[in-house]
Amino acid sequence: MIIVIKEDQLNKIDEIKDRFEDKHEVFVHNNRIAVQGITRDDLLFEEVNAAEQIIEDVPKSVQGSRLFHPEDTIIRTAHSVIGGDNFTMMAGPCSVEGADHIKLMAKVAKAGGATVLRGGAYKPRTSPYSFQGLGLDGLKFLRNAADEFGMDVITEVMDDEHVDLVGQYTDIFQIGARNMQNFSLLKAVGKTKIPVMLKRGMSATIDDILNASEYIAAGGNHNIMIAERGIRTFDNKYTRNTLDVGAVPVLQKLTHYTVIIDPSHAAGHTEFVTPEALAGVAAGACGLIVEIHNDPAHAFSDGPQALKPDQYLEMAQKALAVRKVVTTPVNVKSEVKL
C-alpha cells in the first residue's frame, strides 16, 4: 500500500512508520509512504483522514514505481548527468584489449559526445574457451583512459565477490543480461552507492526486470538505470536479438529509473546498430550504450556488432538530431471540425 499524505499532515508519516516498521517493510519518499503487507483496514481513522490518496493496487517493485516516486531519478556522476531531460552517450569496445587501445577508443567515444567509457574487464562469454577479459589489468587500463579524457567508467561486474574490487575502478556498475536475476549480485551492488545499469535478460518480461531492480533498491541504492538490449524471440536469424522499442515508453510509464538503449547487443550486426539506436532514441530513451572498435574484424570479442569510428560519429550526430526532434514541443493547430 502507498499512502499519499496531505501537505499539512506530514507529521503522520513518522507516526505511520513507527507503528508499522517492526513487522513490515516501510519506505518513505517525500509525502508518500509505502507499507508492505497491509490494507486500508489496518490504518487508524486519523491516518486515513490525513491521506490525500490511498493506493492499494501496488506493484511488487514498489520503490521503483512511479506510484511511489513520481518524478524521474537523476543520476549524477563526475562527468555525467543521467536521466530526466538529459541524454547520455556511452561508448567503448566490448572488451578492454590493452592500455593503448582503450585510450584510442576513449578518444573516439569522447569525440562523439560520450561522457561514459564502456569496456569489459571481466567477460561472461558463451564459451569458456573464448576471451574472458584482462581482469584487474583491464580495470586499471579502463580507469586510466577515462581519467585522461575526462569520462566516467561503466564496466560489468559478474559476481558479488568482485563488487568491492570493480567498485574501486568504476563509476557505474553494469549488470549483464545473463546476471539480471543473480540475486546475490543484485543485493551486493544494492549495498553500495555506485550507480547501476541493469540490463534486461534475453527472456525477461517488463515485470521481471522491474522486480530485479527492486533487489538493488531494497539494499538502499536507488541510482538505477534499466537497459533494453533486445530479447530473444522466435526469429534471431538476421539479428542477434529483437530490440523491444516498445519497452521504452512502457518502462518510462511504470518506473522513475532512467531507460537506456543498447543497440549493439540487440542488432548483433554493425549495419543494423545505427537504425536500432535511432529507433530507441525516437521512442524516448535517455541514452545509448554502444560498442565501437577501430578494427572490428580483429576485436577480442563481439567485433561483428561494433561500429567503426566514422560509423559511430555519424550515428551519434543522428541520435542527437533525433533526440532534438522528439523533445522539441510542437504546436499543432487543428482545423478539423468534429
C-alpha atoms as a PDB file:
ATOM      1  CA  MET A   1       0.000   0.000   0.000  1.00  0.00           C
ATOM      2  CA  ILE A   2       1.093   3.543  -0.768  1.00  0.00           C
ATOM      3  CA  ILE A   3      -0.331   6.406   1.251  1.00  0.00           C
ATOM      4  CA  VAL A   4      -0.051   9.914  -0.158  1.00  0.00           C
ATOM      5  CA  ILE A   5      -0.156  12.269   2.815  1.00  0.00           C
ATOM      6  CA  LYS A   6      -1.676  15.740   2.655  1.00  0.00           C
ATOM      7  CA  GLU A   7       0.891  18.538   2.782  1.00  0.00           C
ATOM      8  CA  ASP A   8      -0.454  19.843   6.086  1.00  0.00           C
ATOM      9  CA  GLN A   9      -0.385  16.371   7.679  1.00  0.00           C
ATOM     10  CA  LEU A  10       3.226  15.324   7.007  1.00  0.00           C
ATOM     11  CA  ASN A  11       3.804  14.579  10.693  1.00  0.00           C
ATOM     12  CA  LYS A  12       1.652  11.494  10.166  1.00  0.00           C
ATOM     13  CA  ILE A  13       4.401   9.918   8.053  1.00  0.00           C
ATOM     14  CA  ASP A  14       6.654   9.325  11.042  1.00  0.00           C
ATOM     15  CA  GLU A  15       3.715   8.099  13.095  1.00  0.00           C
ATOM     16  CA  ILE A  16       2.735   5.542  10.455  1.00  0.00           C
ATOM     17  CA  LYS A  17       6.359   4.478  10.007  1.00  0.00           C
ATOM     18  CA  ASP A  18       6.881   3.989  13.742  1.00  0.00           C
ATOM     19  CA  ARG A  19       3.689   1.964  14.022  1.00  0.00           C
ATOM     20  CA  PHE A  20       4.412  -0.492  11.215  1.00  0.00           C
ATOM     21  CA  GLU A  21       8.179  -0.746  10.693  1.00  0.00           C
ATOM     22  CA  ASP A  22       8.743  -3.506  13.281  1.00  0.00           C
ATOM     23  CA  LYS A  23       6.668  -6.000  11.302  1.00  0.00           C
ATOM     24  CA  HIS A  24       6.502  -4.557   7.792  1.00  0.00           C
ATOM     25  CA  GLU A  25       8.797  -3.073   5.178  1.00  0.00           C
ATOM     26  CA  VAL A  26       8.254   0.688   5.160  1.00  0.00           C
ATOM     27  CA  PHE A  27       9.586   3.161   2.588  1.00  0.00           C
ATOM     28  CA  VAL A  28       9.242   6.931   2.538  1.00  0.00           C
ATOM     29  CA  HIS A  29       9.606   9.338  -0.372  1.00  0.00           C
ATOM     30  CA  ASN A  30       8.597  12.970   0.133  1.00  0.00           C
ATOM     31  CA  ASN A  31       4.916  12.889   1.113  1.00  0.00           C
ATOM     32  CA  ARG A  32       4.457   9.227   0.184  1.00  0.00           C
ATOM     33  CA  ILE A  33       4.842   6.254   2.479  1.00  0.00           C
ATOM     34  CA  ALA A  34       4.723   2.658   1.272  1.00  0.00           C
ATOM     35  CA  VAL A  35       3.938  -0.113   3.753  1.00  0.00           C
ATOM     36  CA  GLN A  36       4.185  -3.683   2.546  1.00  0.00           C
ATOM     37  CA  GLY A  37       1.532  -6.212   3.538  1.00  0.00           C
ATOM     38  CA  ILE A  38      -1.216  -4.031   4.979  1.00  0.00           C
ATOM     39  CA  THR A  39      -4.681  -2.947   3.863  1.00  0.00           C
ATOM     40  CA  ARG A  40      -6.764   0.151   4.383  1.00  0.00           C
ATOM     41  CA  ASP A  41      -8.406  -1.560   7.357  1.00  0.00           C
ATOM     42  CA  ASP A  42      -5.059  -1.564   9.185  1.00  0.00           C
ATOM     43  CA  LEU A  43      -4.935   2.253   9.206  1.00  0.00           C
ATOM     44  CA  LEU A  44      -6.241   4.342  12.059  1.00  0.00           C
ATOM     45  CA  PHE A  45      -9.103   6.775  11.474  1.00  0.00           C
ATOM     46  CA  GLU A  46      -6.797   9.806  11.754  1.00  0.00           C
ATOM     47  CA  GLU A  47      -4.307   8.233   9.358  1.00  0.00           C
ATOM     48  CA  VAL A  48      -6.997   7.752   6.732  1.00  0.00           C
ATOM     49  CA  ASN A  49      -8.103  11.347   7.202  1.00  0.00           C
ATOM     50  CA  ALA A  50      -4.511  12.536   6.755  1.00  0.00           C
ATOM     51  CA  ALA A  51      -4.279  10.812   3.377  1.00  0.00           C
ATOM     52  CA  GLU A  52      -4.751  12.628   0.110  1.00  0.00           C
ATOM     53  CA  GLN A  53      -4.817   9.265  -1.648  1.00  0.00           C
ATOM     54  CA  ILE A  54      -4.543   5.604  -0.624  1.00  0.00           C
ATOM     55  CA  ILE A  55      -3.216   3.298  -3.345  1.00  0.00           C
ATOM     56  CA  GLU A  56      -3.840  -0.378  -2.618  1.00  0.00           C
ATOM     57  CA  ASP A  57      -3.055  -1.863  -6.045  1.00  0.00           C
ATOM     58  CA  VAL A  58       0.718  -1.584  -5.820  1.00  0.00           C
ATOM     59  CA  PRO A  59       3.345  -3.489  -7.873  1.00  0.00           C
ATOM     60  CA  LYS A  60       5.910  -5.731  -6.192  1.00  0.00           C
ATOM     61  CA  SER A  61       8.629  -3.327  -7.314  1.00  0.00           C
ATOM     62  CA  VAL A  62       7.176  -0.614  -5.120  1.00  0.00           C
ATOM     63  CA  GLN A  63      10.315   1.503  -4.686  1.00  0.00           C
ATOM     64  CA  GLY A  64      10.844   1.646  -8.432  1.00  0.00           C
ATOM     65  CA  SER A  65       7.231   2.519  -9.147  1.00  0.00           C
ATOM     66  CA  ARG A  66       6.085   5.961 -10.224  1.00  0.00           C
ATOM     67  CA  LEU A  67       3.166   5.491  -7.841  1.00  0.00           C
ATOM     68  CA  PHE A  68       5.714   5.800  -5.039  1.00  0.00           C
ATOM     69  CA  HIS A  69       8.293   8.045  -6.755  1.00  0.00           C
ATOM     70  CA  PRO A  70       6.516  10.109  -9.457  1.00  0.00           C
ATOM     71  CA  GLU A  71       9.480  12.218 -10.617  1.00  0.00           C
ATOM     72  CA  ASP A  72      12.413  10.919 -12.690  1.00  0.00           C
ATOM     73  CA  THR A  73      15.529   9.753 -10.897  1.00  0.00           C
ATOM     74  CA  ILE A  74      18.547  11.823 -11.914  1.00  0.00           C
ATOM     75  CA  ILE A  75      21.945  10.166 -11.543  1.00  0.00           C
ATOM     76  CA  ARG A  76      24.941  12.454 -11.150  1.00  0.00           C
ATOM     77  CA  THR A  77      28.473  11.200 -11.635  1.00  0.00           C
ATOM     78  CA  ALA A  78      31.750  13.075 -12.014  1.00  0.00           C
ATOM     79  CA  HIS A  79      31.206  13.748 -15.728  1.00  0.00           C
ATOM     80  CA  SER A  80      27.555  12.892 -16.463  1.00  0.00           C
ATOM     81  CA  VAL A  81      24.005  13.795 -15.543  1.00  0.00           C
ATOM     82  CA  ILE A  82      21.853  10.804 -16.445  1.00  0.00           C
ATOM     83  CA  GLY A  83      18.069  10.716 -16.657  1.00  0.00           C
ATOM     84  CA  GLY A  84      15.217  13.182 -16.867  1.00  0.00           C
ATOM     85  CA  ASP A  85      15.639  15.610 -19.747  1.00  0.00           C
ATOM     86  CA  ASN A  86      19.308  14.696 -20.181  1.00  0.00           C
ATOM     87  CA  PHE A  87      20.669  12.490 -22.952  1.00  0.00           C
ATOM     88  CA  THR A  88      23.774  10.423 -22.214  1.00  0.00           C
ATOM     89  CA  MET A  89      26.040   8.730 -24.709  1.00  0.00           C
ATOM     90  CA  MET A  90      28.113   5.763 -23.525  1.00  0.00           C
ATOM     91  CA  ALA A  91      30.589   4.120 -25.863  1.00  0.00           C
ATOM     92  CA  GLY A  92      33.668   1.949 -25.983  1.00  0.00           C
ATOM     93  CA  PRO A  93      34.866  -1.509 -27.017  1.00  0.00           C
ATOM     94  CA  CYS A  94      33.184  -4.700 -25.876  1.00  0.00           C
ATOM     95  CA  SER A  95      36.390  -5.760 -24.123  1.00  0.00           C
ATOM     96  CA  VAL A  96      39.348  -3.822 -22.825  1.00  0.00           C
ATOM     97  CA  GLU A  97      42.132  -5.119 -25.072  1.00  0.00           C
ATOM     98  CA  GLY A  98      45.101  -3.108 -23.806  1.00  0.00           C
ATOM     99  CA  ALA A  99      46.154   0.256 -22.427  1.00  0.00           C
ATOM    100  CA  ASP A 100      46.819   1.920 -25.779  1.00  0.00           C
ATOM    101  CA  HIS A 101      43.712   0.573 -27.472  1.00  0.00           C
ATOM    102  CA  ILE A 102      41.292   1.651 -24.772  1.00  0.00           C
ATOM    103  CA  LYS A 103      42.786   5.153 -24.847  1.00  0.00           C
ATOM    104  CA  LEU A 104      42.260   5.274 -28.600  1.00  0.00           C
ATOM    105  CA  MET A 105      38.631   4.193 -28.153  1.00  0.00           C
ATOM    106  CA  ALA A 106      38.143   6.731 -25.361  1.00  0.00           C
ATOM    107  CA  LYS A 107      39.289   9.484 -27.711  1.00  0.00           C
ATOM    108  CA  VAL A 108      36.776   8.342 -30.339  1.00  0.00           C
ATOM    109  CA  ALA A 109      33.959   7.938 -27.819  1.00  0.00           C
ATOM    110  CA  LYS A 110      34.577  11.429 -26.454  1.00  0.00           C
ATOM    111  CA  ALA A 111      34.557  12.904 -29.960  1.00  0.00           C
ATOM    112  CA  GLY A 112      31.049  11.527 -30.455  1.00  0.00           C
ATOM    113  CA  GLY A 113      29.774  13.190 -27.315  1.00  0.00           C
ATOM    114  CA  ALA A 114      30.126  10.274 -24.929  1.00  0.00           C
ATOM    115  CA  THR A 115      30.699  11.126 -21.283  1.00  0.00           C
ATOM    116  CA  VAL A 116      30.867   7.464 -20.216  1.00  0.00           C
ATOM    117  CA  LEU A 117      33.506   4.993 -21.423  1.00  0.00           C
ATOM    118  CA  ARG A 118      32.386   1.391 -21.591  1.00  0.00           C
ATOM    119  CA  GLY A 119      34.620  -1.667 -21.667  1.00  0.00           C
ATOM    120  CA  GLY A 120      34.646  -5.146 -20.191  1.00  0.00           C
ATOM    121  CA  ALA A 121      37.448  -6.348 -17.941  1.00  0.00           C
ATOM    122  CA  TYR A 122      35.579  -9.485 -16.902  1.00  0.00           C
ATOM    123  CA  LYS A 123      33.602 -11.069 -19.722  1.00  0.00           C
ATOM    124  CA  PRO A 124      30.713 -13.558 -19.395  1.00  0.00           C
ATOM    125  CA  ARG A 125      31.208 -15.441 -22.652  1.00  0.00           C
ATOM    126  CA  THR A 126      29.011 -18.171 -24.094  1.00  0.00           C
ATOM    127  CA  SER A 127      32.030 -20.462 -24.402  1.00  0.00           C
ATOM    128  CA  PRO A 128      34.538 -20.962 -21.554  1.00  0.00           C
ATOM    129  CA  TYR A 129      37.268 -21.057 -24.195  1.00  0.00           C
ATOM    130  CA  SER A 130      36.549 -17.553 -25.517  1.00  0.00           C
ATOM    131  CA  PHE A 131      38.426 -14.489 -24.301  1.00  0.00           C
ATOM    132  CA  GLN A 132      37.387 -13.858 -20.703  1.00  0.00           C
ATOM    133  CA  GLY A 133      38.822 -10.364 -20.234  1.00  0.00           C
ATOM    134  CA  LEU A 134      42.016  -8.870 -18.800  1.00  0.00           C
ATOM    135  CA  GLY A 135      40.712  -8.765 -15.251  1.00  0.00           C
ATOM    136  CA  LEU A 136      42.363  -6.320 -12.877  1.00  0.00           C
ATOM    137  CA  ASP A 137      44.732  -5.006 -15.556  1.00  0.00           C
ATOM    138  CA  GLY A 138      41.718  -4.280 -17.732  1.00  0.00           C
ATOM    139  CA  LEU A 139      40.070  -2.292 -14.939  1.00  0.00           C
ATOM    140  CA  LYS A 140      43.223  -0.224 -14.491  1.00  0.00           C
ATOM    141  CA  PHE A 141      43.577   0.445 -18.225  1.00  0.00           C
ATOM    142  CA  LEU A 142      39.924   1.451 -18.431  1.00  0.00           C
ATOM    143  CA  ARG A 143      40.126   3.790 -15.447  1.00  0.00           C
ATOM    144  CA  ASN A 144      43.281   5.471 -16.711  1.00  0.00           C
ATOM    145  CA  ALA A 145      41.819   6.028 -20.176  1.00  0.00           C
ATOM    146  CA  ALA A 146      38.609   7.503 -18.786  1.00  0.00           C
ATOM    147  CA  ASP A 147      40.506   9.821 -16.461  1.00  0.00           C
ATOM    148  CA  GLU A 148      42.752  11.022 -19.264  1.00  0.00           C
ATOM    149  CA  PHE A 149      39.752  12.070 -21.354  1.00  0.00           C
ATOM    150  CA  GLY A 150      37.544  13.303 -18.520  1.00  0.00           C
ATOM    151  CA  MET A 151      34.983  10.485 -18.724  1.00  0.00           C
ATOM    152  CA  ASP A 152      33.130   8.168 -16.376  1.00  0.00           C
ATOM    153  CA  VAL A 153      33.588   4.393 -16.463  1.00  0.00           C
ATOM    154  CA  ILE A 154      30.914   1.731 -16.865  1.00  0.00           C
ATOM    155  CA  THR A 155      32.014  -1.884 -16.684  1.00  0.00           C
ATOM    156  CA  GLU A 156      30.423  -5.209 -15.910  1.00  0.00           C
ATOM    157  CA  VAL A 157      30.602  -6.863 -12.510  1.00  0.00           C
ATOM    158  CA  MET A 158      29.916 -10.579 -12.792  1.00  0.00           C
ATOM    159  CA  ASP A 159      29.518 -11.789  -9.215  1.00  0.00           C
ATOM    160  CA  ASP A 160      29.145 -10.498  -5.688  1.00  0.00           C
ATOM    161  CA  GLU A 161      32.753 -11.380  -4.830  1.00  0.00           C
ATOM    162  CA  HIS A 162      34.017  -8.834  -7.382  1.00  0.00           C
ATOM    163  CA  VAL A 163      31.818  -5.907  -6.297  1.00  0.00           C
ATOM    164  CA  ASP A 164      34.397  -4.348  -3.971  1.00  0.00           C
ATOM    165  CA  LEU A 165      37.230  -4.727  -6.494  1.00  0.00           C
ATOM    166  CA  VAL A 166      35.312  -3.427  -9.508  1.00  0.00           C
ATOM    167  CA  GLY A 167      33.863  -0.653  -7.357  1.00  0.00           C
ATOM    168  CA  GLN A 168      37.348   0.779  -6.877  1.00  0.00           C
ATOM    169  CA  TYR A 169      37.653   1.481 -10.609  1.00  0.00           C
ATOM    170  CA  THR A 170      34.174   2.113 -11.977  1.00  0.00           C
ATOM    171  CA  ASP A 171      31.660   4.940 -11.757  1.00  0.00           C
ATOM    172  CA  ILE A 172      28.745   2.736 -12.872  1.00  0.00           C
ATOM    173  CA  PHE A 173      28.251  -0.982 -12.354  1.00  0.00           C
ATOM    174  CA  GLN A 174      26.862  -2.878 -15.320  1.00  0.00           C
ATOM    175  CA  ILE A 175      24.798  -5.978 -14.575  1.00  0.00           C
ATOM    176  CA  GLY A 176      24.652  -8.022 -17.757  1.00  0.00           C
ATOM    177  CA  ALA A 177      21.593  -9.728 -19.197  1.00  0.00           C
ATOM    178  CA  ARG A 178      22.738 -13.156 -18.021  1.00  0.00           C
ATOM    179  CA  ASN A 179      23.005 -11.838 -14.461  1.00  0.00           C
ATOM    180  CA  MET A 180      19.747  -9.904 -14.338  1.00  0.00           C
ATOM    181  CA  GLN A 181      18.354 -12.345 -11.778  1.00  0.00           C
ATOM    182  CA  ASN A 182      21.605 -13.070  -9.958  1.00  0.00           C
ATOM    183  CA  PHE A 183      20.069 -12.028  -6.671  1.00  0.00           C
ATOM    184  CA  SER A 184      23.278 -12.272  -4.634  1.00  0.00           C
ATOM    185  CA  LEU A 185      24.915  -9.852  -7.063  1.00  0.00           C
ATOM    186  CA  LEU A 186      21.905  -7.506  -7.073  1.00  0.00           C
ATOM    187  CA  LYS A 187      21.927  -7.414  -3.286  1.00  0.00           C
ATOM    188  CA  ALA A 188      25.661  -6.732  -3.235  1.00  0.00           C
ATOM    189  CA  VAL A 189      25.539  -3.723  -5.583  1.00  0.00           C
ATOM    190  CA  GLY A 190      22.456  -2.551  -3.707  1.00  0.00           C
ATOM    191  CA  LYS A 191      24.607  -2.067  -0.623  1.00  0.00           C
ATOM    192  CA  THR A 192      26.887   0.353  -2.469  1.00  0.00           C
ATOM    193  CA  LYS A 193      26.318   3.951  -3.523  1.00  0.00           C
ATOM    194  CA  ILE A 194      27.635   3.339  -7.037  1.00  0.00           C
ATOM    195  CA  PRO A 195      25.032   3.735  -9.846  1.00  0.00           C
ATOM    196  CA  VAL A 196      23.908   0.521 -11.515  1.00  0.00           C
ATOM    197  CA  MET A 197      22.874  -0.202 -15.096  1.00  0.00           C
ATOM    198  CA  LEU A 198      20.695  -3.300 -15.058  1.00  0.00           C
ATOM    199  CA  LYS A 199      20.352  -4.972 -18.444  1.00  0.00           C
ATOM    200  CA  ARG A 200      17.160  -6.771 -19.321  1.00  0.00           C
ATOM    201  CA  GLY A 201      17.559 -10.524 -19.598  1.00  0.00           C
ATOM    202  CA  MET A 202      17.044 -12.026 -23.012  1.00  0.00           C
ATOM    203  CA  SER A 203      13.839 -13.811 -21.888  1.00  0.00           C
ATOM    204  CA  ALA A 204      12.759 -11.341 -19.216  1.00  0.00           C
ATOM    205  CA  THR A 205       9.405  -9.600 -19.106  1.00  0.00           C
ATOM    206  CA  ILE A 206       8.982  -5.968 -18.088  1.00  0.00           C
ATOM    207  CA  ASP A 207       7.872  -7.066 -14.632  1.00  0.00           C
ATOM    208  CA  ASP A 208      10.870  -9.397 -14.359  1.00  0.00           C
ATOM    209  CA  ILE A 209      13.387  -6.599 -14.761  1.00  0.00           C
ATOM    210  CA  LEU A 210      11.448  -4.218 -12.530  1.00  0.00           C
ATOM    211  CA  ASN A 211      11.337  -6.858  -9.811  1.00  0.00           C
ATOM    212  CA  ALA A 212      15.057  -7.482 -10.270  1.00  0.00           C
ATOM    213  CA  SER A 213      15.741  -3.760  -9.882  1.00  0.00           C
ATOM    214  CA  GLU A 214      13.855  -3.847  -6.571  1.00  0.00           C
ATOM    215  CA  TYR A 215      16.581  -6.072  -5.132  1.00  0.00           C
ATOM    216  CA  ILE A 216      19.047  -3.250  -5.747  1.00  0.00           C
ATOM    217  CA  ALA A 217      16.729  -0.614  -4.312  1.00  0.00           C
ATOM    218  CA  ALA A 218      15.997  -2.787  -1.264  1.00  0.00           C
ATOM    219  CA  GLY A 219      19.664  -2.511  -0.310  1.00  0.00           C
ATOM    220  CA  GLY A 220      19.464   1.280  -0.307  1.00  0.00           C
ATOM    221  CA  ASN A 221      20.917   2.042  -3.754  1.00  0.00           C
ATOM    222  CA  HIS A 222      18.371   3.935  -5.857  1.00  0.00           C
ATOM    223  CA  ASN A 223      20.764   5.118  -8.588  1.00  0.00           C
ATOM    224  CA  ILE A 224      19.464   2.635 -11.119  1.00  0.00           C
ATOM    225  CA  MET A 225      19.298   2.584 -14.909  1.00  0.00           C
ATOM    226  CA  ILE A 226      17.462  -0.027 -16.946  1.00  0.00           C
ATOM    227  CA  ALA A 227      18.934  -1.040 -20.291  1.00  0.00           C
ATOM    228  CA  GLU A 228      16.845  -2.545 -23.061  1.00  0.00           C
ATOM    229  CA  ARG A 229      19.284  -4.662 -25.115  1.00  0.00           C
ATOM    230  CA  GLY A 230      16.953  -6.888 -27.061  1.00  0.00           C
ATOM    231  CA  ILE A 231      15.059 -10.034 -26.155  1.00  0.00           C
ATOM    232  CA  ARG A 232      15.112 -13.496 -27.664  1.00  0.00           C
ATOM    233  CA  THR A 233      12.183 -14.177 -29.976  1.00  0.00           C
ATOM    234  CA  PHE A 234      11.368 -16.910 -32.478  1.00  0.00           C
ATOM    235  CA  ASP A 235      13.377 -15.087 -35.162  1.00  0.00           C
ATOM    236  CA  ASN A 236      17.064 -14.498 -34.481  1.00  0.00           C
ATOM    237  CA  LYS A 237      18.286 -15.385 -37.957  1.00  0.00           C
ATOM    238  CA  TYR A 238      19.014 -11.823 -39.033  1.00  0.00           C
ATOM    239  CA  THR A 239      19.610 -10.003 -35.754  1.00  0.00           C
ATOM    240  CA  ARG A 240      21.195 -11.259 -32.560  1.00  0.00           C
ATOM    241  CA  ASN A 241      18.116 -10.297 -30.539  1.00  0.00           C
ATOM    242  CA  THR A 242      14.882  -8.378 -31.101  1.00  0.00           C
ATOM    243  CA  LEU A 243      15.030  -4.814 -29.821  1.00  0.00           C
ATOM    244  CA  ASP A 244      11.883  -4.167 -27.808  1.00  0.00           C
ATOM    245  CA  VAL A 245      11.471  -0.490 -28.672  1.00  0.00           C
ATOM    246  CA  GLY A 246       8.042  -0.506 -27.087  1.00  0.00           C
ATOM    247  CA  ALA A 247       9.626  -1.287 -23.740  1.00  0.00           C
ATOM    248  CA  VAL A 248      10.984   2.267 -23.566  1.00  0.00           C
ATOM    249  CA  PRO A 249       7.684   4.148 -23.137  1.00  0.00           C
ATOM    250  CA  VAL A 250       6.241   1.293 -21.070  1.00  0.00           C
ATOM    251  CA  LEU A 251       9.148   1.394 -18.616  1.00  0.00           C
ATOM    252  CA  GLN A 252       9.038   5.180 -18.503  1.00  0.00           C
ATOM    253  CA  LYS A 253       5.376   4.982 -17.550  1.00  0.00           C
ATOM    254  CA  LEU A 254       5.939   2.390 -14.836  1.00  0.00           C
ATOM    255  CA  THR A 255       9.235   3.442 -13.281  1.00  0.00           C
ATOM    256  CA  HIS A 256      11.237   6.565 -12.471  1.00  0.00           C
ATOM    257  CA  TYR A 257      14.514   4.852 -13.381  1.00  0.00           C
ATOM    258  CA  THR A 258      16.393   6.010 -16.470  1.00  0.00           C
ATOM    259  CA  VAL A 259      15.906   3.878 -19.595  1.00  0.00           C
ATOM    260  CA  ILE A 260      18.939   3.309 -21.839  1.00  0.00           C
ATOM    261  CA  ILE A 261      19.091   1.507 -25.194  1.00  0.00           C
ATOM    262  CA  ASP A 262      21.863  -0.927 -26.121  1.00  0.00           C
ATOM    263  CA  PRO A 263      21.520  -1.313 -29.902  1.00  0.00           C
ATOM    264  CA  SER A 264      24.776  -3.259 -30.271  1.00  0.00           C
ATOM    265  CA  HIS A 265      23.632  -6.396 -28.463  1.00  0.00           C
ATOM    266  CA  ALA A 266      20.160  -6.093 -29.913  1.00  0.00           C
ATOM    267  CA  ALA A 267      21.348  -5.938 -33.509  1.00  0.00           C
ATOM    268  CA  GLY A 268      24.433  -8.128 -33.410  1.00  0.00           C
ATOM    269  CA  HIS A 269      25.458  -6.773 -36.809  1.00  0.00           C
ATOM    270  CA  THR A 270      27.035  -3.396 -37.483  1.00  0.00           C
ATOM    271  CA  GLU A 271      24.673  -2.470 -40.320  1.00  0.00           C
ATOM    272  CA  PHE A 272      21.655  -2.597 -38.015  1.00  0.00           C
ATOM    273  CA  VAL A 273      23.125  -0.844 -34.975  1.00  0.00           C
ATOM    274  CA  THR A 274      22.510   2.735 -36.106  1.00  0.00           C
ATOM    275  CA  PRO A 275      18.876   2.219 -37.210  1.00  0.00           C
ATOM    276  CA  GLU A 276      18.082   0.474 -33.926  1.00  0.00           C
ATOM    277  CA  ALA A 277      19.858   3.181 -31.943  1.00  0.00           C
ATOM    278  CA  LEU A 278      17.808   5.866 -33.675  1.00  0.00           C
ATOM    279  CA  ALA A 279      14.602   3.909 -33.100  1.00  0.00           C
ATOM    280  CA  GLY A 280      15.401   3.740 -29.402  1.00  0.00           C
ATOM    281  CA  VAL A 281      16.078   7.461 -29.214  1.00  0.00           C
ATOM    282  CA  ALA A 282      12.886   8.196 -31.115  1.00  0.00           C
ATOM    283  CA  ALA A 283      10.980   6.073 -28.597  1.00  0.00           C
ATOM    284  CA  GLY A 284      12.280   8.315 -25.829  1.00  0.00           C
ATOM    285  CA  ALA A 285      15.331   6.580 -24.385  1.00  0.00           C
ATOM    286  CA  CYS A 286      17.509   8.843 -22.240  1.00  0.00           C
ATOM    287  CA  GLY A 287      20.752   7.469 -23.601  1.00  0.00           C
ATOM    288  CA  LEU A 288      22.655   4.911 -25.643  1.00  0.00           C
ATOM    289  CA  ILE A 289      25.399   2.451 -24.772  1.00  0.00           C
ATOM    290  CA  VAL A 290      27.216   1.447 -27.945  1.00  0.00           C
ATOM    291  CA  GLU A 291      30.179  -0.758 -28.818  1.00  0.00           C
ATOM    292  CA  ILE A 292      32.915   0.722 -31.014  1.00  0.00           C
ATOM    293  CA  HIS A 293      36.179  -0.624 -32.418  1.00  0.00           C
ATOM    294  CA  ASN A 294      38.724   0.617 -34.922  1.00  0.00           C
ATOM    295  CA  ASP A 295      39.323  -2.899 -36.299  1.00  0.00           C
ATOM    296  CA  PRO A 296      36.212  -4.998 -35.654  1.00  0.00           C
ATOM    297  CA  ALA A 297      37.499  -7.955 -37.678  1.00  0.00           C
ATOM    298  CA  HIS A 298      40.240  -8.456 -35.096  1.00  0.00           C
ATOM    299  CA  ALA A 299      38.347  -7.448 -31.951  1.00  0.00           C
ATOM    300  CA  PHE A 300      38.807  -9.755 -28.970  1.00  0.00           C
ATOM    301  CA  SER A 301      35.010 -10.057 -28.641  1.00  0.00           C
ATOM    302  CA  ASP A 302      31.795  -9.052 -30.430  1.00  0.00           C
ATOM    303  CA  GLY A 303      33.521  -7.498 -33.432  1.00  0.00           C
ATOM    304  CA  PRO A 304      30.567  -8.063 -35.802  1.00  0.00           C
ATOM    305  CA  GLN A 305      28.399  -5.614 -33.845  1.00  0.00           C
ATOM    306  CA  ALA A 306      30.993  -2.900 -33.215  1.00  0.00           C
ATOM    307  CA  LEU A 307      30.759   0.420 -35.038  1.00  0.00           C
ATOM    308  CA  LYS A 308      33.919   1.760 -36.625  1.00  0.00           C
ATOM    309  CA  PRO A 309      34.879   5.284 -35.515  1.00  0.00           C
ATOM    310  CA  ASP A 310      33.351   7.048 -38.521  1.00  0.00           C
ATOM    311  CA  GLN A 311      30.159   4.990 -38.224  1.00  0.00           C
ATOM    312  CA  TYR A 312      29.915   5.802 -34.534  1.00  0.00           C
ATOM    313  CA  LEU A 313      30.436   9.524 -35.076  1.00  0.00           C
ATOM    314  CA  GLU A 314      27.729   9.588 -37.753  1.00  0.00           C
ATOM    315  CA  MET A 315      25.359   7.601 -35.531  1.00  0.00           C
ATOM    316  CA  ALA A 316      25.978   9.959 -32.604  1.00  0.00           C
ATOM    317  CA  GLN A 317      25.142  13.025 -34.695  1.00  0.00           C
ATOM    318  CA  LYS A 318      21.966  11.409 -35.991  1.00  0.00           C
ATOM    319  CA  ALA A 319      20.954  10.315 -32.489  1.00  0.00           C
ATOM    320  CA  LEU A 320      21.315  13.836 -31.136  1.00  0.00           C
ATOM    321  CA  ALA A 321      19.301  15.166 -34.081  1.00  0.00           C
ATOM    322  CA  VAL A 322      16.504  12.666 -33.429  1.00  0.00           C
ATOM    323  CA  ARG A 323      16.588  13.484 -29.733  1.00  0.00           C
ATOM    324  CA  LYS A 324      16.168  17.165 -30.534  1.00  0.00           C
ATOM    325  CA  VAL A 325      13.170  16.447 -32.744  1.00  0.00           C
ATOM    326  CA  VAL A 326      11.333  14.288 -30.212  1.00  0.00           C
ATOM    327  CA  THR A 327      11.963  16.667 -27.300  1.00  0.00           C
ATOM    328  CA  THR A 328      11.034  19.877 -29.134  1.00  0.00           C
ATOM    329  CA  PRO A 329       7.432  20.933 -28.434  1.00  0.00           C
ATOM    330  CA  VAL A 330       5.211  21.135 -31.489  1.00  0.00           C
ATOM    331  CA  ASN A 331       2.264  23.484 -31.715  1.00  0.00           C
ATOM    332  CA  VAL A 332      -0.494  21.814 -33.680  1.00  0.00           C
ATOM    333  CA  LYS A 333      -3.409  23.903 -34.875  1.00  0.00           C
ATOM    334  CA  SER A 334      -6.181  21.579 -35.829  1.00  0.00           C
ATOM    335  CA  GLU A 335      -8.646  22.736 -38.450  1.00  0.00           C
ATOM    336  CA  VAL A 336     -10.621  19.526 -38.299  1.00  0.00           C
ATOM    337  CA  LYS A 337     -14.140  20.029 -37.062  1.00  0.00           C
ATOM    338  CA  LEU A 338     -15.556  17.067 -35.200  1.00  0.00           C
END
